[in-house]
Amino acid sequence: MEDGAEGEIVFTTINREATPVIRYRVRDMVRVFTSPCKCGRTGFRFQVIGRTDDMIKVKGVNVFPSAVKGVIQSFAPETTGEFRIVLPHAGPSFGENLKIKVEYGENMKKDDLEQLGIKLRTAIREKLVFSPVIEWVSSGALERSQYKVEYFEKPYEK
């Protein structure tokens, strides 16, 4: 296996007798490191990079909301880090102009949002290989959850 390979992790029962092979999908996408660790450990190491149930395809490229979040959070304090990806239809694939609602920071002036939007769109294009349409919403406009964060808005379900 190549160092840095990415894929969905699946667990399989190895010690079995007279039973079918059962594979367990946990829906985690991982990056596998095969090279020895600096600490001396020689086994495989896994880095969870996302979940298959959160992943979407934009122009054939796998995009994880956690990656989008990383780019948006890098613009703090101009943004709050809160966002929603607006899915125009049921997946799995979407075109170039996917809309992302982003909360701007409390101290941002509305006159500066156009320039910030250009910078954010460029950063997303450079890191994630697609250019979204940025829709700015005021700080606190996006609903917060105490549980799993909802990264997607699905207007087609309403």
C-alpha atoms as a PDB file:
ATOM      1  CA  MET A   1       0.000   0.000   0.000  1.00  0.00           C
ATOM      2  CA  GLU A   2       1.251   3.467  -0.868  1.00  0.00           C
ATOM      3  CA  ASP A   3       2.018   5.905   1.967  1.00  0.00           C
ATOM      4  CA  GLY A   4      -0.773   8.498   2.178  1.00  0.00           C
ATOM      5  CA  ALA A   5      -3.373   6.361   0.382  1.00  0.00           C
ATOM      6  CA  GLU A   6      -6.974   7.431   1.011  1.00  0.00           C
ATOM      7  CA  GLY A   7     -10.127   5.358   1.207  1.00  0.00           C
ATOM      8  CA  GLU A   8     -13.006   4.125   3.319  1.00  0.00           C
ATOM      9  CA  ILE A   9     -11.987   1.968   6.258  1.00  0.00           C
ATOM     10  CA  VAL A  10     -13.764  -1.398   6.516  1.00  0.00           C
ATOM     11  CA  PHE A  11     -13.282  -3.864   9.360  1.00  0.00           C
ATOM     12  CA  THR A  12     -13.394  -7.610   8.734  1.00  0.00           C
ATOM     13  CA  THR A  13     -13.554 -10.500  11.179  1.00  0.00           C
ATOM     14  CA  ILE A  14     -10.329 -12.455  10.748  1.00  0.00           C
ATOM     15  CA  ASN A  15     -10.627 -15.266  13.299  1.00  0.00           C
ATOM     16  CA  ARG A  16     -13.762 -17.024  12.207  1.00  0.00           C
ATOM     17  CA  GLU A  17     -14.851 -20.622  11.929  1.00  0.00           C
ATOM     18  CA  ALA A  18     -17.882 -21.876  10.049  1.00  0.00           C
ATOM     19  CA  THR A  19     -19.342 -18.375   9.774  1.00  0.00           C
ATOM     20  CA  PRO A  20     -19.665 -15.988   6.875  1.00  0.00           C
ATOM     21  CA  VAL A  21     -17.183 -13.194   6.372  1.00  0.00           C
ATOM     22  CA  ILE A  22     -18.732 -10.039   7.752  1.00  0.00           C
ATOM     23  CA  ARG A  23     -17.385  -6.636   6.851  1.00  0.00           C
ATOM     24  CA  TYR A  24     -18.233  -3.600   8.944  1.00  0.00           C
ATOM     25  CA  ARG A  25     -18.441  -0.225   7.196  1.00  0.00           C
ATOM     26  CA  VAL A  26     -17.999   2.597   9.680  1.00  0.00           C
ATOM     27  CA  ARG A  27     -18.236   5.253   6.924  1.00  0.00           C
ATOM     28  CA  ASP A  28     -14.965   6.923   7.908  1.00  0.00           C
ATOM     29  CA  MET A  29     -12.647   8.092   5.139  1.00  0.00           C
ATOM     30  CA  VAL A  30      -9.021   7.740   6.203  1.00  0.00           C
ATOM     31  CA  ARG A  31      -5.516   8.465   5.015  1.00  0.00           C
ATOM     32  CA  VAL A  32      -3.155   5.536   5.727  1.00  0.00           C
ATOM     33  CA  PHE A  33       0.486   6.126   6.587  1.00  0.00           C
ATOM     34  CA  THR A  34       2.763   3.144   6.005  1.00  0.00           C
ATOM     35  CA  SER A  35       6.135   4.762   6.669  1.00  0.00           C
ATOM     36  CA  PRO A  36       7.603   4.336  10.171  1.00  0.00           C
ATOM     37  CA  CYS A  37       6.544   6.951  12.713  1.00  0.00           C
ATOM     38  CA  LYS A  38       9.111   9.308  14.286  1.00  0.00           C
ATOM     39  CA  CYS A  39       8.349   7.626  17.625  1.00  0.00           C
ATOM     40  CA  GLY A  40       9.559   4.290  16.215  1.00  0.00           C
ATOM     41  CA  ARG A  41       6.185   2.651  15.673  1.00  0.00           C
ATOM     42  CA  THR A  42       6.160   0.635  12.440  1.00  0.00           C
ATOM     43  CA  GLY A  43       2.481  -0.313  11.992  1.00  0.00           C
ATOM     44  CA  PHE A  44      -0.098   1.435   9.864  1.00  0.00           C
ATOM     45  CA  ARG A  45      -1.346   4.779  11.147  1.00  0.00           C
ATOM     46  CA  PHE A  46      -4.709   6.259  10.184  1.00  0.00           C
ATOM     47  CA  GLN A  47      -5.846   9.854   9.962  1.00  0.00           C
ATOM     48  CA  VAL A  48      -9.623  10.282   9.723  1.00  0.00           C
ATOM     49  CA  ILE A  49     -10.259  12.865   7.004  1.00  0.00           C
ATOM     50  CA  GLY A  50     -14.045  12.750   6.842  1.00  0.00           C
ATOM     51  CA  ARG A  51     -17.130  10.611   6.606  1.00  0.00           C
ATOM     52  CA  THR A  52     -18.611   9.098   3.465  1.00  0.00           C
ATOM     53  CA  ASP A  53     -22.085  10.199   4.536  1.00  0.00           C
ATOM     54  CA  ASP A  54     -20.850  13.821   4.654  1.00  0.00           C
ATOM     55  CA  MET A  55     -18.781  13.694   1.470  1.00  0.00           C
ATOM     56  CA  ILE A  56     -20.092  15.253  -1.739  1.00  0.00           C
ATOM     57  CA  LYS A  57     -18.636  15.292  -5.244  1.00  0.00           C
ATOM     58  CA  VAL A  58     -18.110  18.604  -6.974  1.00  0.00           C
ATOM     59  CA  LYS A  59     -16.947  18.293 -10.586  1.00  0.00           C
ATOM     60  CA  GLY A  60     -15.791  14.728  -9.815  1.00  0.00           C
ATOM     61  CA  VAL A  61     -13.683  15.762  -6.800  1.00  0.00           C
ATOM     62  CA  ASN A  62     -14.503  14.440  -3.313  1.00  0.00           C
ATOM     63  CA  VAL A  63     -15.214  17.375  -0.999  1.00  0.00           C
ATOM     64  CA  PHE A  64     -15.600  17.021   2.762  1.00  0.00           C
ATOM     65  CA  PRO A  65     -17.352  19.721   4.809  1.00  0.00           C
ATOM     66  CA  SER A  66     -14.461  19.560   7.290  1.00  0.00           C
ATOM     67  CA  ALA A  67     -12.112  20.731   4.524  1.00  0.00           C
ATOM     68  CA  VAL A  68     -14.461  23.608   3.643  1.00  0.00           C
ATOM     69  CA  LYS A  69     -14.662  24.478   7.343  1.00  0.00           C
ATOM     70  CA  GLY A  70     -10.860  24.602   7.584  1.00  0.00           C
ATOM     71  CA  VAL A  71     -10.648  27.128   4.757  1.00  0.00           C
ATOM     72  CA  ILE A  72     -13.471  29.285   6.148  1.00  0.00           C
ATOM     73  CA  GLN A  73     -12.049  29.238   9.684  1.00  0.00           C
ATOM     74  CA  SER A  74      -8.697  30.409   8.342  1.00  0.00           C
ATOM     75  CA  PHE A  75     -10.435  33.736   7.619  1.00  0.00           C
ATOM     76  CA  ALA A  76     -11.284  34.417  11.286  1.00  0.00           C
ATOM     77  CA  PRO A  77     -12.147  36.976  12.651  1.00  0.00           C
ATOM     78  CA  GLU A  78     -13.599  38.158   9.314  1.00  0.00           C
ATOM     79  CA  THR A  79     -15.843  35.053   9.464  1.00  0.00           C
ATOM     80  CA  THR A  80     -17.359  33.253  12.451  1.00  0.00           C
ATOM     81  CA  GLY A  81     -16.438  29.877  10.931  1.00  0.00           C
ATOM     82  CA  GLU A  82     -20.111  28.885  10.608  1.00  0.00           C
ATOM     83  CA  PHE A  83     -21.327  27.890   7.150  1.00  0.00           C
ATOM     84  CA  ARG A  84     -23.863  25.788   5.264  1.00  0.00           C
ATOM     85  CA  ILE A  85     -23.429  24.179   1.866  1.00  0.00           C
ATOM     86  CA  VAL A  86     -26.689  24.567  -0.067  1.00  0.00           C
ATOM     87  CA  LEU A  87     -27.372  21.418  -2.097  1.00  0.00           C
ATOM     88  CA  PRO A  88     -29.638  22.246  -5.078  1.00  0.00           C
ATOM     89  CA  HIS A  89     -30.707  18.598  -5.555  1.00  0.00           C
ATOM     90  CA  ALA A  90     -30.115  15.134  -4.129  1.00  0.00           C
ATOM     91  CA  GLY A  91     -26.492  14.070  -4.670  1.00  0.00           C
ATOM     92  CA  PRO A  92     -24.098  12.594  -5.171  1.00  0.00           C
ATOM     93  CA  SER A  93     -22.587  14.977  -7.761  1.00  0.00           C
ATOM     94  CA  PHE A  94     -22.796  18.743  -8.038  1.00  0.00           C
ATOM     95  CA  GLY A  95     -21.575  21.371 -10.479  1.00  0.00           C
ATOM     96  CA  GLU A  96     -19.058  24.162 -10.114  1.00  0.00           C
ATOM     97  CA  ASN A  97     -21.382  26.861  -8.766  1.00  0.00           C
ATOM     98  CA  LEU A  98     -22.375  25.267  -5.477  1.00  0.00           C
ATOM     99  CA  LYS A  99     -23.609  27.888  -3.011  1.00  0.00           C
ATOM    100  CA  ILE A 100     -22.087  28.226   0.466  1.00  0.00           C
ATOM    101  CA  LYS A 101     -23.697  30.452   3.095  1.00  0.00           C
ATOM    102  CA  VAL A 102     -20.993  31.936   5.321  1.00  0.00           C
ATOM    103  CA  GLU A 103     -21.433  34.018   8.470  1.00  0.00           C
ATOM    104  CA  TYR A 104     -19.345  37.163   8.460  1.00  0.00           C
ATOM    105  CA  GLY A 105     -17.719  38.363  11.678  1.00  0.00           C
ATOM    106  CA  GLU A 106     -19.374  40.897  13.962  1.00  0.00           C
ATOM    107  CA  ASN A 107     -16.842  43.645  13.149  1.00  0.00           C
ATOM    108  CA  MET A 108     -17.041  43.257   9.356  1.00  0.00           C
ATOM    109  CA  LYS A 109     -18.490  46.076   7.275  1.00  0.00           C
ATOM    110  CA  LYS A 110     -20.892  45.056   4.527  1.00  0.00           C
ATOM    111  CA  ASP A 111     -18.831  47.123   2.072  1.00  0.00           C
ATOM    112  CA  ASP A 112     -15.856  44.791   2.644  1.00  0.00           C
ATOM    113  CA  LEU A 113     -17.774  41.541   2.040  1.00  0.00           C
ATOM    114  CA  GLU A 114     -17.372  41.546  -1.743  1.00  0.00           C
ATOM    115  CA  GLN A 115     -13.570  41.654  -1.483  1.00  0.00           C
ATOM    116  CA  LEU A 116     -13.572  39.044   1.309  1.00  0.00           C
ATOM    117  CA  GLY A 117     -15.807  36.828  -0.841  1.00  0.00           C
ATOM    118  CA  ILE A 118     -13.294  36.969  -3.687  1.00  0.00           C
ATOM    119  CA  LYS A 119     -10.469  35.970  -1.319  1.00  0.00           C
ATOM    120  CA  LEU A 120     -12.522  33.142   0.205  1.00  0.00           C
ATOM    121  CA  ARG A 121     -13.621  31.818  -3.192  1.00  0.00           C
ATOM    122  CA  THR A 122      -9.992  31.874  -4.390  1.00  0.00           C
ATOM    123  CA  ALA A 123      -8.788  30.022  -1.271  1.00  0.00           C
ATOM    124  CA  ILE A 124     -11.456  27.335  -1.705  1.00  0.00           C
ATOM    125  CA  ARG A 125     -10.582  26.973  -5.405  1.00  0.00           C
ATOM    126  CA  GLU A 126      -6.859  26.601  -4.595  1.00  0.00           C
ATOM    127  CA  LYS A 127      -7.356  24.060  -1.790  1.00  0.00           C
ATOM    128  CA  LEU A 128     -10.482  22.155  -2.837  1.00  0.00           C
ATOM    129  CA  VAL A 129     -10.527  22.598  -6.646  1.00  0.00           C
ATOM    130  CA  PHE A 130     -13.972  24.192  -7.029  1.00  0.00           C
ATOM    131  CA  SER A 131     -15.278  27.757  -6.998  1.00  0.00           C
ATOM    132  CA  PRO A 132     -18.421  28.164  -4.907  1.00  0.00           C
ATOM    133  CA  VAL A 133     -20.887  31.023  -4.895  1.00  0.00           C
ATOM    134  CA  ILE A 134     -20.496  32.754  -1.514  1.00  0.00           C
ATOM    135  CA  GLU A 135     -23.671  34.065   0.133  1.00  0.00           C
ATOM    136  CA  TRP A 136     -22.952  36.201   3.206  1.00  0.00           C
ATOM    137  CA  VAL A 137     -25.231  36.014   6.235  1.00  0.00           C
ATOM    138  CA  SER A 138     -24.925  37.990   9.458  1.00  0.00           C
ATOM    139  CA  SER A 139     -23.240  36.626  12.565  1.00  0.00           C
ATOM    140  CA  GLY A 140     -25.614  34.283  14.408  1.00  0.00           C
ATOM    141  CA  ALA A 141     -27.957  33.802  11.420  1.00  0.00           C
ATOM    142  CA  LEU A 142     -27.128  30.115  10.981  1.00  0.00           C
ATOM    143  CA  GLU A 143     -28.707  27.751  13.478  1.00  0.00           C
ATOM    144  CA  ARG A 144     -26.327  26.169  15.995  1.00  0.00           C
ATOM    145  CA  SER A 145     -26.712  22.582  17.176  1.00  0.00           C
ATOM    146  CA  GLN A 146     -25.699  20.943  20.436  1.00  0.00           C
ATOM    147  CA  TYR A 147     -25.310  17.649  18.610  1.00  0.00           C
ATOM    148  CA  LYS A 148     -23.936  16.767  15.182  1.00  0.00           C
ATOM    149  CA  VAL A 149     -23.331  19.889  13.114  1.00  0.00           C
ATOM    150  CA  GLU A 150     -25.490  20.098  10.005  1.00  0.00           C
ATOM    151  CA  TYR A 151     -23.224  21.295   7.206  1.00  0.00           C
ATOM    152  CA  PHE A 152     -25.844  20.975   4.460  1.00  0.00           C
ATOM    153  CA  GLU A 153     -29.055  22.798   3.607  1.00  0.00           C
ATOM    154  CA  LYS A 154     -31.367  20.777   1.389  1.00  0.00           C
ATOM    155  CA  PRO A 155     -34.090  23.101   0.060  1.00  0.00           C
ATOM    156  CA  TYR A 156     -35.310  20.352  -2.298  1.00  0.00           C
ATOM    157  CA  GLU A 157     -36.592  18.387   0.742  1.00  0.00           C
ATOM    158  CA  LYS A 158     -38.976  21.154   1.838  1.00  0.00           C
END
